[in-house]
Every structure is written in C-alpha cells, then in structure tokens.
Protein backbone atom coordinates (compact mmCIF):
# COMPACT_ATOMS: atom_id res chain seq x y z
CA MET A 1 5.68 110.80 109.52
CA GLU A 2 3.59 110.57 107.03
CA LYS A 3 1.27 114.51 106.43
CA VAL A 4 -1.95 114.67 105.56
CA ILE A 5 -3.21 118.00 103.67
CA PHE A 6 -6.25 118.17 102.31
CA LYS A 7 -7.19 120.65 100.28
CA LYS A 8 -9.88 124.15 100.43
CA GLU A 9 -12.04 122.29 98.86
CA VAL A 10 -12.75 118.90 100.25
CA LEU A 11 -12.73 120.33 103.88
CA ASP A 12 -15.62 122.55 102.12
CA TYR A 13 -17.57 120.01 100.96
CA PHE A 14 -16.77 118.67 103.87
CA ASP A 15 -18.60 121.50 106.19
CA GLU A 16 -20.95 121.75 104.13
CA LEU A 17 -21.77 117.67 104.81
CA VAL A 18 -22.98 118.16 108.07
CA TYR A 19 -25.15 120.48 106.79
CA VAL A 20 -26.91 118.43 104.37
CA LEU A 21 -26.98 115.11 106.38
CA PHE A 22 -28.66 117.46 109.33
CA GLU A 23 -30.56 119.30 106.96
CA LYS A 24 -32.19 115.66 105.65
CA ASP A 25 -32.99 114.41 108.95
CA TYR A 26 -29.50 111.57 108.48
CA PHE A 27 -28.48 112.82 112.27
CA SER A 28 -30.72 113.61 114.41
CA TYR A 29 -28.98 116.64 116.12
CA ILE A 30 -25.80 118.23 114.44
CA GLU A 31 -23.75 116.60 117.53
CA ASN A 32 -23.78 113.70 115.89
CA ALA A 33 -23.35 114.82 112.18
CA LYS A 34 -20.38 115.84 113.02
CA ARG A 35 -18.59 112.51 114.83
CA TYR A 36 -20.41 111.04 110.91
CA VAL A 37 -17.96 113.77 109.37
CA GLY A 38 -15.05 113.94 112.09
CA GLU A 39 -14.52 109.85 111.43
CA ILE A 40 -14.19 110.45 107.78
CA ILE A 41 -11.84 112.82 108.74
CA ASP A 42 -9.94 110.29 110.77
CA PHE A 43 -10.09 108.20 109.56
CA ILE A 44 -8.35 109.31 106.39
CA THR A 45 -5.01 111.23 108.79
CA VAL A 46 -4.88 107.31 110.66
CA GLU A 47 -4.89 105.23 108.36
CA ILE A 48 -4.35 106.71 104.72
CA ALA A 49 -0.54 105.39 105.27
CA ASN A 50 -1.25 102.25 106.38
CA PHE A 51 -4.62 101.28 103.94
CA PRO A 52 -4.56 99.47 100.80
CA HIS A 53 -5.01 102.38 97.81
CA LYS A 54 -5.66 101.86 94.31
CA THR A 55 -5.29 103.69 91.28
CA SER A 56 -7.92 105.13 90.64
CA PRO A 57 -8.55 105.35 86.70
CA SER A 58 -7.76 107.19 84.43
CA ASN A 59 -10.53 109.10 83.06
CA LEU A 60 -11.69 109.74 87.12
CA ASN A 61 -7.31 110.97 87.67
CA TYR A 62 -9.44 114.83 87.19
CA LEU A 63 -10.24 113.07 91.59
CA GLY A 64 -7.48 111.81 91.95
CA LYS A 65 -4.65 109.79 90.81
CA ASN A 66 -5.07 107.00 94.30
CA TYR A 67 -8.23 106.02 95.67
CA ILE A 68 -8.81 104.84 99.64
CA PHE A 69 -12.49 103.83 100.69
CA TYR A 70 -14.34 103.98 103.90
CA LYS A 71 -17.32 101.74 104.38
CA SER A 72 -19.26 104.29 107.64
CA ASN A 73 -22.46 101.88 107.74
CA ASN A 74 -24.19 99.75 106.07
CA ARG A 75 -24.97 102.37 103.02
CA THR A 76 -22.43 104.47 102.22
CA THR A 77 -19.25 104.11 101.57
CA TRP A 78 -16.54 106.86 100.52
CA PHE A 79 -13.64 107.45 98.32
CA ILE A 80 -11.27 109.55 98.54
CA PHE A 81 -8.71 110.65 96.31
CA PHE A 82 -5.18 111.97 96.15
CA GLU A 83 -1.97 112.46 95.77
CA LYS A 84 1.11 111.08 96.88
CA GLN A 85 4.42 112.21 96.70
CA ASN A 86 7.01 110.49 98.65
CA ASP A 87 5.58 110.45 102.52
CA LYS A 88 2.57 113.67 101.78
CA TYR A 89 -0.55 112.83 100.79
CA LEU A 90 -3.25 115.30 99.35
CA ILE A 91 -6.52 114.60 100.07
CA THR A 92 -7.82 115.70 96.61
CA SER A 93 -11.18 114.83 96.61
CA ILE A 94 -14.40 112.38 98.03
CA ILE A 95 -17.37 110.49 96.64
CA ASN A 96 -19.53 108.05 98.22
CA ASN A 97 -21.20 104.61 97.03
CA HIS A 98 -23.79 107.56 95.42
CA CYS A 99 -22.91 109.35 93.27
CA LYS A 100 -22.16 108.49 89.17
CA GLU A 101 -17.89 108.43 89.02
CA VAL A 102 -18.56 105.23 91.49
CA ASN A 103 -19.36 103.24 88.60
CA ASP A 104 -15.98 103.72 87.14
CA LEU A 105 -13.83 102.04 89.98
C-alpha cells in the first residue's frame, strides 16, 4: 500500500489557501473553501498511485521530479509535484495554472 507524505510547506500552503479563497470571495463561506482544499488533498492521497504522472522539466525539478494534475473546475488546474521512492510519495509542491511556472510544463 502506498504512503503519501506532505512537506510542511505544502500543508502550510493549503491552510493559507483556505483563507485566501475566502478573503478574495472565491467562496462565500469558509466551510466551502475548506471543502475545496479538502477535495484537492483527497485527490492526491487517493489517486497519486493510479493517476499517470509526468516527469518535471529540469528547470522545474526544484518543485519535484514528477507531477500529476487535478482539474478542480473549468478555470483552475492544480499541478502536484512529488518525489517517489518505492510505494512512498512525498508531495513537495503544488501550483495552479495561474502560476508562471506552468508555461514550462
């Protein structure tokens, strides 16, 4: 069975994302922002072993050597970067299609 571990920086990012989404009125209720972020986390933990992953371009290796993507809605796709060793996945970074680094994928 695979094991998924999140770097502290990624967990901190998720915590901050909940508040940013709420404060910028992407969600009217904090509970909905939490649910949205929870769906991203659920996707990662459930699908990372099964979802086809890609090798990161060398200039983005600082984010992680591999990545998968999650399309949360029509406007936003999340790119989850990770390192894999045997059946262990270390989630090292996450960005979305609004970040400039996506142009290199």
